[in-house]
Amino acid sequence: MSYLLPQLHCGWAVDQAILAEEERLVIIRFGHDWDETCMQMDEVLASVAETIKNFSVIYLGTGNNNKINWALKDKQEFIDIFETVYRGGRKGCGLVIAPKDYSTKYRY
């Protein structure tokens, strides 16, 4: 599914994507196209891209980031998280509370 979303290949491209958007939320999936977990997340991202296109832009990046470091398999769960972050960002919040508690669900 990663072929359906635009990719960013370097840190500079990530910075430019973020700086270019003033109104929409920038969503970047960091990881590898061959990783099974990333492929699951790509499927969710591709399925919601059209629904949230007026509020966000979705990119695929390289590397690793520890913000959401598991694949969301449920489309509605992703939209709930996205909506919380988007509303918080519109209010100028640097930190928002997740719609449900993820603190112990994905322990390593």
PDB file of N, CA and C in Angstrom:
ATOM      1  N   MET A   1       0.799  -1.202   0.000  1.00  0.00           N
ATOM      2  CA  MET A   1       0.000   0.000   0.000  1.00  0.00           C
ATOM      3  C   MET A   1       0.842   1.266   0.000  1.00  0.00           C
ATOM      4  N   SER A   2       2.131   1.135   0.273  1.00  0.00           N
ATOM      5  CA  SER A   2       2.957   2.342   0.378  1.00  0.00           C
ATOM      6  C   SER A   2       3.052   3.098  -0.940  1.00  0.00           C
ATOM      7  N   TYR A   3       2.794   2.440  -2.046  1.00  0.00           N
ATOM      8  CA  TYR A   3       2.852   3.117  -3.338  1.00  0.00           C
ATOM      9  C   TYR A   3       1.699   4.110  -3.513  1.00  0.00           C
ATOM     10  N   LEU A   4       0.681   4.042  -2.665  1.00  0.00           N
ATOM     11  CA  LEU A   4      -0.456   4.953  -2.763  1.00  0.00           C
ATOM     12  C   LEU A   4      -0.216   6.290  -2.064  1.00  0.00           C
ATOM     13  N   LEU A   5       0.829   6.370  -1.249  1.00  0.00           N
ATOM     14  CA  LEU A   5       1.097   7.575  -0.477  1.00  0.00           C
ATOM     15  C   LEU A   5       2.441   8.168  -0.858  1.00  0.00           C
ATOM     16  N   PRO A   6       2.584   9.499  -0.832  1.00  0.00           N
ATOM     17  CA  PRO A   6       3.868  10.115  -1.173  1.00  0.00           C
ATOM     18  C   PRO A   6       4.936   9.783  -0.131  1.00  0.00           C
ATOM     19  N   GLN A   7       6.174   9.648  -0.579  1.00  0.00           N
ATOM     20  CA  GLN A   7       7.280   9.308   0.315  1.00  0.00           C
ATOM     21  C   GLN A   7       8.248  10.469   0.454  1.00  0.00           C
ATOM     22  N   LEU A   8       8.840  10.576   1.631  1.00  0.00           N
ATOM     23  CA  LEU A   8       9.877  11.557   1.921  1.00  0.00           C
ATOM     24  C   LEU A   8      11.159  10.776   2.168  1.00  0.00           C
ATOM     25  N   HIS A   9      12.223  11.123   1.454  1.00  0.00           N
ATOM     26  CA  HIS A   9      13.428  10.293   1.493  1.00  0.00           C
ATOM     27  C   HIS A   9      14.567  10.857   2.331  1.00  0.00           C
ATOM     28  N   CYS A  10      14.403  12.043   2.914  1.00  0.00           N
ATOM     29  CA  CYS A  10      15.477  12.603   3.740  1.00  0.00           C
ATOM     30  C   CYS A  10      14.887  13.549   4.775  1.00  0.00           C
ATOM     31  N   GLY A  11      15.689  13.905   5.763  1.00  0.00           N
ATOM     32  CA  GLY A  11      15.255  14.808   6.819  1.00  0.00           C
ATOM     33  C   GLY A  11      14.824  16.164   6.293  1.00  0.00           C
ATOM     34  N   TRP A  12      15.510  16.667   5.271  1.00  0.00           N
ATOM     35  CA  TRP A  12      15.163  17.949   4.693  1.00  0.00           C
ATOM     36  C   TRP A  12      13.755  17.912   4.107  1.00  0.00           C
ATOM     37  N   ALA A  13      13.416  16.817   3.438  1.00  0.00           N
ATOM     38  CA  ALA A  13      12.080  16.682   2.845  1.00  0.00           C
ATOM     39  C   ALA A  13      11.005  16.636   3.934  1.00  0.00           C
ATOM     40  N   VAL A  14      11.306  15.985   5.048  1.00  0.00           N
ATOM     41  CA  VAL A  14      10.374  15.949   6.184  1.00  0.00           C
ATOM     42  C   VAL A  14      10.150  17.363   6.709  1.00  0.00           C
ATOM     43  N   ASP A  15      11.239  18.102   6.924  1.00  0.00           N
ATOM     44  CA  ASP A  15      11.128  19.487   7.401  1.00  0.00           C
ATOM     45  C   ASP A  15      10.303  20.339   6.450  1.00  0.00           C
ATOM     46  N   GLN A  16      10.535  20.210   5.153  1.00  0.00           N
ATOM     47  CA  GLN A  16       9.812  21.008   4.174  1.00  0.00           C
ATOM     48  C   GLN A  16       8.323  20.667   4.154  1.00  0.00           C
ATOM     49  N   ALA A  17       8.006  19.388   4.306  1.00  0.00           N
ATOM     50  CA  ALA A  17       6.602  18.971   4.327  1.00  0.00           C
ATOM     51  C   ALA A  17       5.882  19.586   5.522  1.00  0.00           C
ATOM     52  N   ILE A  18       6.551  19.616   6.661  1.00  0.00           N
ATOM     53  CA  ILE A  18       5.956  20.191   7.867  1.00  0.00           C
ATOM     54  C   ILE A  18       5.816  21.706   7.737  1.00  0.00           C
ATOM     55  N   LEU A  19       6.863  22.360   7.258  1.00  0.00           N
ATOM     56  CA  LEU A  19       6.837  23.814   7.134  1.00  0.00           C
ATOM     57  C   LEU A  19       5.842  24.308   6.086  1.00  0.00           C
ATOM     58  N   ALA A  20       5.588  23.496   5.069  1.00  0.00           N
ATOM     59  CA  ALA A  20       4.701  23.904   3.975  1.00  0.00           C
ATOM     60  C   ALA A  20       3.225  23.906   4.390  1.00  0.00           C
ATOM     61  N   GLU A  21       2.873  23.165   5.416  1.00  0.00           N
ATOM     62  CA  GLU A  21       1.470  23.072   5.838  1.00  0.00           C
ATOM     63  C   GLU A  21       1.203  24.002   7.007  1.00  0.00           C
ATOM     64  N   GLU A  22       0.281  24.933   6.805  1.00  0.00           N
ATOM     65  CA  GLU A  22      -0.077  25.840   7.885  1.00  0.00           C
ATOM     66  C   GLU A  22      -1.415  25.493   8.516  1.00  0.00           C
ATOM     67  N   GLU A  23      -2.276  24.830   7.783  1.00  0.00           N
ATOM     68  CA  GLU A  23      -3.614  24.525   8.277  1.00  0.00           C
ATOM     69  C   GLU A  23      -3.837  23.033   8.548  1.00  0.00           C
ATOM     70  N   ARG A  24      -3.203  22.190   7.745  1.00  0.00           N
ATOM     71  CA  ARG A  24      -3.451  20.750   7.870  1.00  0.00           C
ATOM     72  C   ARG A  24      -2.412  20.082   8.760  1.00  0.00           C
ATOM     73  N   LEU A  25      -2.818  18.996   9.378  1.00  0.00           N
ATOM     74  CA  LEU A  25      -1.930  18.173  10.183  1.00  0.00           C
ATOM     75  C   LEU A  25      -1.061  17.339   9.251  1.00  0.00           C
ATOM     76  N   VAL A  26       0.222  17.242   9.533  1.00  0.00           N
ATOM     77  CA  VAL A  26       1.139  16.437   8.736  1.00  0.00           C
ATOM     78  C   VAL A  26       1.333  15.093   9.442  1.00  0.00           C
ATOM     79  N   ILE A  27       0.987  14.024   8.761  1.00  0.00           N
ATOM     80  CA  ILE A  27       1.121  12.672   9.306  1.00  0.00           C
ATOM     81  C   ILE A  27       2.228  11.983   8.535  1.00  0.00           C
ATOM     82  N   ILE A  28       3.241  11.510   9.256  1.00  0.00           N
ATOM     83  CA  ILE A  28       4.366  10.832   8.612  1.00  0.00           C
ATOM     84  C   ILE A  28       4.531   9.465   9.249  1.00  0.00           C
ATOM     85  N   ARG A  29       4.487   8.429   8.438  1.00  0.00           N
ATOM     86  CA  ARG A  29       4.737   7.066   8.920  1.00  0.00           C
ATOM     87  C   ARG A  29       6.214   6.771   8.690  1.00  0.00           C
ATOM     88  N   PHE A  30       6.953   6.623   9.781  1.00  0.00           N
ATOM     89  CA  PHE A  30       8.368   6.276   9.701  1.00  0.00           C
ATOM     90  C   PHE A  30       8.505   4.766   9.769  1.00  0.00           C
ATOM     91  N   GLY A  31       9.344   4.208   8.948  1.00  0.00           N
ATOM     92  CA  GLY A  31       9.567   2.771   8.973  1.00  0.00           C
ATOM     93  C   GLY A  31      10.054   2.270   7.637  1.00  0.00           C
ATOM     94  N   HIS A  32       9.855   0.985   7.399  1.00  0.00           N
ATOM     95  CA  HIS A  32      10.328   0.335   6.184  1.00  0.00           C
ATOM     96  C   HIS A  32       9.156  -0.305   5.448  1.00  0.00           C
ATOM     97  N   ASP A  33       9.158  -0.192   4.135  1.00  0.00           N
ATOM     98  CA  ASP A  33       8.075  -0.746   3.333  1.00  0.00           C
ATOM     99  C   ASP A  33       7.967  -2.266   3.423  1.00  0.00           C
ATOM    100  N   TRP A  34       9.061  -2.937   3.748  1.00  0.00           N
ATOM    101  CA  TRP A  34       9.047  -4.395   3.794  1.00  0.00           C
ATOM    102  C   TRP A  34       8.612  -4.941   5.155  1.00  0.00           C
ATOM    103  N   ASP A  35       8.507  -4.084   6.162  1.00  0.00           N
ATOM    104  CA  ASP A  35       8.137  -4.520   7.506  1.00  0.00           C
ATOM    105  C   ASP A  35       6.633  -4.786   7.582  1.00  0.00           C
ATOM    106  N   GLU A  36       6.248  -5.941   8.136  1.00  0.00           N
ATOM    107  CA  GLU A  36       4.843  -6.334   8.189  1.00  0.00           C
ATOM    108  C   GLU A  36       3.999  -5.337   8.984  1.00  0.00           C
ATOM    109  N   THR A  37       4.521  -4.839  10.094  1.00  0.00           N
ATOM    110  CA  THR A  37       3.789  -3.862  10.904  1.00  0.00           C
ATOM    111  C   THR A  37       3.584  -2.571  10.131  1.00  0.00           C
ATOM    112  N   CYS A  38       4.610  -2.130   9.413  1.00  0.00           N
ATOM    113  CA  CYS A  38       4.488  -0.915   8.598  1.00  0.00           C
ATOM    114  C   CYS A  38       3.481  -1.109   7.471  1.00  0.00           C
ATOM    115  N   MET A  39       3.450  -2.299   6.896  1.00  0.00           N
ATOM    116  CA  MET A  39       2.491  -2.578   5.836  1.00  0.00           C
ATOM    117  C   MET A  39       1.060  -2.498   6.358  1.00  0.00           C
ATOM    118  N   GLN A  40       0.833  -2.965   7.591  1.00  0.00           N
ATOM    119  CA  GLN A  40      -0.496  -2.869   8.191  1.00  0.00           C
ATOM    120  C   GLN A  40      -0.884  -1.408   8.386  1.00  0.00           C
ATOM    121  N   MET A  41       0.061  -0.611   8.867  1.00  0.00           N
ATOM    122  CA  MET A  41      -0.208   0.803   9.079  1.00  0.00           C
ATOM    123  C   MET A  41      -0.442   1.516   7.749  1.00  0.00           C
ATOM    124  N   ASP A  42       0.324   1.154   6.717  1.00  0.00           N
ATOM    125  CA  ASP A  42       0.132   1.739   5.389  1.00  0.00           C
ATOM    126  C   ASP A  42      -1.279   1.486   4.877  1.00  0.00           C
ATOM    127  N   GLU A  43      -1.798   0.298   5.150  1.00  0.00           N
ATOM    128  CA  GLU A  43      -3.144  -0.041   4.706  1.00  0.00           C
ATOM    129  C   GLU A  43      -4.174   0.869   5.380  1.00  0.00           C
ATOM    130  N   VAL A  44      -4.019   1.098   6.683  1.00  0.00           N
ATOM    131  CA  VAL A  44      -4.932   1.994   7.401  1.00  0.00           C
ATOM    132  C   VAL A  44      -4.797   3.419   6.873  1.00  0.00           C
ATOM    133  N   LEU A  45      -3.552   3.888   6.718  1.00  0.00           N
ATOM    134  CA  LEU A  45      -3.324   5.248   6.230  1.00  0.00           C
ATOM    135  C   LEU A  45      -3.923   5.456   4.841  1.00  0.00           C
ATOM    136  N   ALA A  46      -3.715   4.495   3.963  1.00  0.00           N
ATOM    137  CA  ALA A  46      -4.259   4.610   2.611  1.00  0.00           C
ATOM    138  C   ALA A  46      -5.786   4.610   2.634  1.00  0.00           C
ATOM    139  N   SER A  47      -6.381   3.853   3.555  1.00  0.00           N
ATOM    140  CA  SER A  47      -7.840   3.778   3.609  1.00  0.00           C
ATOM    141  C   SER A  47      -8.479   5.044   4.158  1.00  0.00           C
ATOM    142  N   VAL A  48      -7.763   5.808   4.992  1.00  0.00           N
ATOM    143  CA  VAL A  48      -8.339   7.035   5.561  1.00  0.00           C
ATOM    144  C   VAL A  48      -7.882   8.292   4.837  1.00  0.00           C
ATOM    145  N   ALA A  49      -6.935   8.193   3.936  1.00  0.00           N
ATOM    146  CA  ALA A  49      -6.355   9.367   3.275  1.00  0.00           C
ATOM    147  C   ALA A  49      -7.412  10.236   2.605  1.00  0.00           C
ATOM    148  N   GLU A  50      -8.330   9.647   1.902  1.00  0.00           N
ATOM    149  CA  GLU A  50      -9.365  10.421   1.215  1.00  0.00           C
ATOM    150  C   GLU A  50     -10.315  11.079   2.209  1.00  0.00           C
ATOM    151  N   THR A  51     -10.633  10.382   3.292  1.00  0.00           N
ATOM    152  CA  THR A  51     -11.563  10.894   4.296  1.00  0.00           C
ATOM    153  C   THR A  51     -11.028  12.132   4.996  1.00  0.00           C
ATOM    154  N   ILE A  52      -9.719  12.158   5.274  1.00  0.00           N
ATOM    155  CA  ILE A  52      -9.146  13.250   6.071  1.00  0.00           C
ATOM    156  C   ILE A  52      -8.299  14.224   5.250  1.00  0.00           C
ATOM    157  N   LYS A  53      -8.406  14.176   3.939  1.00  0.00           N
ATOM    158  CA  LYS A  53      -7.530  14.983   3.083  1.00  0.00           C
ATOM    159  C   LYS A  53      -7.682  16.484   3.281  1.00  0.00           C
ATOM    160  N   ASN A  54      -8.841  16.957   3.716  1.00  0.00           N
ATOM    161  CA  ASN A  54      -9.020  18.387   3.947  1.00  0.00           C
ATOM    162  C   ASN A  54      -8.369  18.855   5.238  1.00  0.00           C
ATOM    163  N   PHE A  55      -8.041  17.915   6.122  1.00  0.00           N
ATOM    164  CA  PHE A  55      -7.491  18.255   7.424  1.00  0.00           C
ATOM    165  C   PHE A  55      -6.052  17.810   7.604  1.00  0.00           C
ATOM    166  N   SER A  56      -5.580  16.963   6.706  1.00  0.00           N
ATOM    167  CA  SER A  56      -4.229  16.428   6.884  1.00  0.00           C
ATOM    168  C   SER A  56      -3.611  16.037   5.549  1.00  0.00           C
ATOM    169  N   VAL A  57      -2.311  15.804   5.611  1.00  0.00           N
ATOM    170  CA  VAL A  57      -1.576  15.252   4.482  1.00  0.00           C
ATOM    171  C   VAL A  57      -0.739  14.105   5.048  1.00  0.00           C
ATOM    172  N   ILE A  58      -0.713  12.987   4.341  1.00  0.00           N
ATOM    173  CA  ILE A  58      -0.025  11.788   4.837  1.00  0.00           C
ATOM    174  C   ILE A  58       1.188  11.511   3.965  1.00  0.00           C
ATOM    175  N   TYR A  59       2.327  11.278   4.620  1.00  0.00           N
ATOM    176  CA  TYR A  59       3.566  10.925   3.929  1.00  0.00           C
ATOM    177  C   TYR A  59       4.151   9.664   4.560  1.00  0.00           C
ATOM    178  N   LEU A  60       5.025   8.995   3.813  1.00  0.00           N
ATOM    179  CA  LEU A  60       5.825   7.896   4.350  1.00  0.00           C
ATOM    180  C   LEU A  60       7.246   8.356   4.439  1.00  0.00           C
ATOM    181  N   GLY A  61       7.864   8.197   5.582  1.00  0.00           N
ATOM    182  CA  GLY A  61       9.253   8.586   5.775  1.00  0.00           C
ATOM    183  C   GLY A  61      10.109   7.373   6.051  1.00  0.00           C
ATOM    184  N   THR A  62      11.394   7.603   6.186  1.00  0.00           N
ATOM    185  CA  THR A  62      12.305   6.521   6.518  1.00  0.00           C
ATOM    186  C   THR A  62      12.770   6.695   7.950  1.00  0.00           C
ATOM    187  N   GLY A  63      13.310   5.664   8.535  1.00  0.00           N
ATOM    188  CA  GLY A  63      13.814   5.758   9.892  1.00  0.00           C
ATOM    189  C   GLY A  63      12.795   5.285  10.901  1.00  0.00           C
ATOM    190  N   ASN A  64      12.944   5.736  12.149  1.00  0.00           N
ATOM    191  CA  ASN A  64      12.093   5.278  13.231  1.00  0.00           C
ATOM    192  C   ASN A  64      11.694   6.471  14.085  1.00  0.00           C
ATOM    193  N   ASN A  65      10.533   6.454  14.611  1.00  0.00           N
ATOM    194  CA  ASN A  65      10.045   7.496  15.494  1.00  0.00           C
ATOM    195  C   ASN A  65       9.187   6.819  16.548  1.00  0.00           C
ATOM    196  N   ASN A  66       9.221   7.303  17.770  1.00  0.00           N
ATOM    197  CA  ASN A  66       8.541   6.601  18.859  1.00  0.00           C
ATOM    198  C   ASN A  66       7.232   7.247  19.285  1.00  0.00           C
ATOM    199  N   LYS A  67       6.518   7.882  18.396  1.00  0.00           N
ATOM    200  CA  LYS A  67       5.246   8.494  18.771  1.00  0.00           C
ATOM    201  C   LYS A  67       4.148   7.437  18.823  1.00  0.00           C
ATOM    202  N   ILE A  68       3.793   6.848  17.729  1.00  0.00           N
ATOM    203  CA  ILE A  68       2.937   5.652  17.714  1.00  0.00           C
ATOM    204  C   ILE A  68       3.798   4.585  17.078  1.00  0.00           C
ATOM    205  N   ASN A  69       4.280   3.669  17.900  1.00  0.00           N
ATOM    206  CA  ASN A  69       5.229   2.686  17.391  1.00  0.00           C
ATOM    207  C   ASN A  69       4.631   1.280  17.305  1.00  0.00           C
ATOM    208  N   TRP A  70       3.370   1.239  16.934  1.00  0.00           N
ATOM    209  CA  TRP A  70       2.704  -0.012  16.633  1.00  0.00           C
ATOM    210  C   TRP A  70       1.707   0.270  15.514  1.00  0.00           C
ATOM    211  N   ALA A  71       1.284  -0.770  14.840  1.00  0.00           N
ATOM    212  CA  ALA A  71       0.327  -0.593  13.741  1.00  0.00           C
ATOM    213  C   ALA A  71      -1.086  -0.550  14.294  1.00  0.00           C
ATOM    214  N   LEU A  72      -1.842   0.401  13.836  1.00  0.00           N
ATOM    215  CA  LEU A  72      -3.261   0.456  14.161  1.00  0.00           C
ATOM    216  C   LEU A  72      -3.984  -0.342  13.083  1.00  0.00           C
ATOM    217  N   LYS A  73      -4.770  -1.300  13.497  1.00  0.00           N
ATOM    218  CA  LYS A  73      -5.462  -2.150  12.532  1.00  0.00           C
ATOM    219  C   LYS A  73      -6.886  -1.680  12.271  1.00  0.00           C
ATOM    220  N   ASP A  74      -7.351  -0.772  13.107  1.00  0.00           N
ATOM    221  CA  ASP A  74      -8.723  -0.291  13.011  1.00  0.00           C
ATOM    222  C   ASP A  74      -8.763   1.123  12.461  1.00  0.00           C
ATOM    223  N   LYS A  75      -9.480   1.299  11.387  1.00  0.00           N
ATOM    224  CA  LYS A  75      -9.597   2.594  10.723  1.00  0.00           C
ATOM    225  C   LYS A  75     -10.189   3.657  11.660  1.00  0.00           C
ATOM    226  N   GLN A  76     -11.228   3.308  12.414  1.00  0.00           N
ATOM    227  CA  GLN A  76     -11.878   4.269  13.308  1.00  0.00           C
ATOM    228  C   GLN A  76     -10.962   4.677  14.457  1.00  0.00           C
ATOM    229  N   GLU A  77     -10.165   3.756  14.939  1.00  0.00           N
ATOM    230  CA  GLU A  77      -9.212   4.078  16.010  1.00  0.00           C
ATOM    231  C   GLU A  77      -8.206   5.126  15.533  1.00  0.00           C
ATOM    232  N   PHE A  78      -7.729   4.971  14.294  1.00  0.00           N
ATOM    233  CA  PHE A  78      -6.807   5.960  13.731  1.00  0.00           C
ATOM    234  C   PHE A  78      -7.490   7.321  13.610  1.00  0.00           C
ATOM    235  N   ILE A  79      -8.715   7.336  13.106  1.00  0.00           N
ATOM    236  CA  ILE A  79      -9.439   8.595  12.943  1.00  0.00           C
ATOM    237  C   ILE A  79      -9.665   9.266  14.296  1.00  0.00           C
ATOM    238  N   ASP A  80      -9.968   8.494  15.340  1.00  0.00           N
ATOM    239  CA  ASP A  80     -10.151   9.060  16.684  1.00  0.00           C
ATOM    240  C   ASP A  80      -8.880   9.734  17.182  1.00  0.00           C
ATOM    241  N   ILE A  81      -7.736   9.085  16.998  1.00  0.00           N
ATOM    242  CA  ILE A  81      -6.456   9.671  17.411  1.00  0.00           C
ATOM    243  C   ILE A  81      -6.169  10.910  16.581  1.00  0.00           C
ATOM    244  N   PHE A  82      -6.349  10.796  15.284  1.00  0.00           N
ATOM    245  CA  PHE A  82      -6.113  11.922  14.390  1.00  0.00           C
ATOM    246  C   PHE A  82      -6.962  13.132  14.790  1.00  0.00           C
ATOM    247  N   GLU A  83      -8.247  12.903  15.047  1.00  0.00           N
ATOM    248  CA  GLU A  83      -9.155  13.995  15.396  1.00  0.00           C
ATOM    249  C   GLU A  83      -8.722  14.678  16.695  1.00  0.00           C
ATOM    250  N   THR A  84      -8.284  13.898  17.671  1.00  0.00           N
ATOM    251  CA  THR A  84      -7.819  14.461  18.939  1.00  0.00           C
ATOM    252  C   THR A  84      -6.603  15.345  18.727  1.00  0.00           C
ATOM    253  N   VAL A  85      -5.637  14.869  17.949  1.00  0.00           N
ATOM    254  CA  VAL A  85      -4.422  15.644  17.680  1.00  0.00           C
ATOM    255  C   VAL A  85      -4.753  16.896  16.864  1.00  0.00           C
ATOM    256  N   TYR A  86      -5.605  16.741  15.864  1.00  0.00           N
ATOM    257  CA  TYR A  86      -5.971  17.881  15.014  1.00  0.00           C
ATOM    258  C   TYR A  86      -6.660  18.976  15.829  1.00  0.00           C
ATOM    259  N   ARG A  87      -7.634  18.610  16.654  1.00  0.00           N
ATOM    260  CA  ARG A  87      -8.348  19.606  17.464  1.00  0.00           C
ATOM    261  C   ARG A  87      -7.419  20.275  18.464  1.00  0.00           C
ATOM    262  N   GLY A  88      -6.521  19.495  19.075  1.00  0.00           N
ATOM    263  CA  GLY A  88      -5.554  20.080  19.994  1.00  0.00           C
ATOM    264  C   GLY A  88      -4.614  21.045  19.298  1.00  0.00           C
ATOM    265  N   GLY A  89      -4.156  20.677  18.107  1.00  0.00           N
ATOM    266  CA  GLY A  89      -3.270  21.546  17.342  1.00  0.00           C
ATOM    267  C   GLY A  89      -3.946  22.840  16.938  1.00  0.00           C
ATOM    268  N   ARG A  90      -5.217  22.773  16.567  1.00  0.00           N
ATOM    269  CA  ARG A  90      -5.965  23.976  16.194  1.00  0.00           C
ATOM    270  C   ARG A  90      -6.117  24.929  17.385  1.00  0.00           C
ATOM    271  N   LYS A  91      -6.115  24.352  18.601  1.00  0.00           N
ATOM    272  CA  LYS A  91      -6.221  25.177  19.808  1.00  0.00           C
ATOM    273  C   LYS A  91      -4.861  25.643  20.302  1.00  0.00           C
ATOM    274  N   GLY A  92      -3.785  25.212  19.628  1.00  0.00           N
ATOM    275  CA  GLY A  92      -2.444  25.612  20.031  1.00  0.00           C
ATOM    276  C   GLY A  92      -1.829  24.726  21.091  1.00  0.00           C
ATOM    277  N   CYS A  93      -2.412  23.581  21.345  1.00  0.00           N
ATOM    278  CA  CYS A  93      -1.885  22.666  22.369  1.00  0.00           C
ATOM    279  C   CYS A  93      -0.671  21.914  21.824  1.00  0.00           C
ATOM    280  N   GLY A  94       0.359  21.805  22.634  1.00  0.00           N
ATOM    281  CA  GLY A  94       1.526  21.022  22.263  1.00  0.00           C
ATOM    282  C   GLY A  94       1.410  19.581  22.722  1.00  0.00           C
ATOM    283  N   LEU A  95       0.430  19.306  23.566  1.00  0.00           N
ATOM    284  CA  LEU A  95       0.218  17.973  24.117  1.00  0.00           C
ATOM    285  C   LEU A  95      -1.278  17.726  24.204  1.00  0.00           C
ATOM    286  N   VAL A  96      -1.723  16.550  23.767  1.00  0.00           N
ATOM    287  CA  VAL A  96      -3.138  16.189  23.860  1.00  0.00           C
ATOM    288  C   VAL A  96      -3.257  14.838  24.549  1.00  0.00           C
ATOM    289  N   ILE A  97      -4.427  14.546  25.064  1.00  0.00           N
ATOM    290  CA  ILE A  97      -4.704  13.275  25.731  1.00  0.00           C
ATOM    291  C   ILE A  97      -5.362  12.326  24.725  1.00  0.00           C
ATOM    292  N   ALA A  98      -4.810  11.129  24.614  1.00  0.00           N
ATOM    293  CA  ALA A  98      -5.338  10.136  23.675  1.00  0.00           C
ATOM    294  C   ALA A  98      -6.776   9.766  24.039  1.00  0.00           C
ATOM    295  N   PRO A  99      -7.581   9.406  23.041  1.00  0.00           N
ATOM    296  CA  PRO A  99      -8.977   9.051  23.316  1.00  0.00           C
ATOM    297  C   PRO A  99      -9.122   7.766  24.135  1.00  0.00           C
ATOM    298  N   LYS A 100      -8.085   6.958  24.195  1.00  0.00           N
ATOM    299  CA  LYS A 100      -8.096   5.797  25.082  1.00  0.00           C
ATOM    300  C   LYS A 100      -6.686   5.561  25.603  1.00  0.00           C
ATOM    301  N   ASP A 101      -6.566   4.784  26.667  1.00  0.00           N
ATOM    302  CA  ASP A 101      -5.280   4.578  27.327  1.00  0.00           C
ATOM    303  C   ASP A 101      -4.461   3.508  26.611  1.00  0.00           C
ATOM    304  N   TYR A 102      -3.306   3.909  26.082  1.00  0.00           N
ATOM    305  CA  TYR A 102      -2.404   2.982  25.394  1.00  0.00           C
ATOM    306  C   TYR A 102      -1.179   2.649  26.237  1.00  0.00           C
ATOM    307  N   SER A 103      -1.129   3.098  27.475  1.00  0.00           N
ATOM    308  CA  SER A 103       0.101   2.997  28.261  1.00  0.00           C
ATOM    309  C   SER A 103       0.537   1.576  28.556  1.00  0.00           C
ATOM    310  N   THR A 104      -0.380   0.633  28.665  1.00  0.00           N
ATOM    311  CA  THR A 104       0.028  -0.735  28.979  1.00  0.00           C
ATOM    312  C   THR A 104      -0.306  -1.735  27.874  1.00  0.00           C
ATOM    313  N   LYS A 105      -1.026  -1.315  26.851  1.00  0.00           N
ATOM    314  CA  LYS A 105      -1.444  -2.242  25.801  1.00  0.00           C
ATOM    315  C   LYS A 105      -0.273  -2.768  24.969  1.00  0.00           C
ATOM    316  N   TYR A 106       0.713  -1.915  24.721  1.00  0.00           N
ATOM    317  CA  TYR A 106       1.810  -2.283  23.834  1.00  0.00           C
ATOM    318  C   TYR A 106       3.144  -2.232  24.560  1.00  0.00           C
ATOM    319  N   ARG A 107       3.269  -2.960  25.640  1.00  0.00           N
ATOM    320  CA  ARG A 107       4.530  -2.999  26.374  1.00  0.00           C
ATOM    321  C   ARG A 107       5.538  -3.857  25.637  1.00  0.00           C
ATOM    322  N   TYR A 108       6.809  -3.479  25.784  1.00  0.00           N
ATOM    323  CA  TYR A 108       7.870  -4.223  25.124  1.00  0.00           C
ATOM    324  C   TYR A 108       8.630  -5.057  26.103  1.00  0.00           C
TER     325      TYR A 108
END
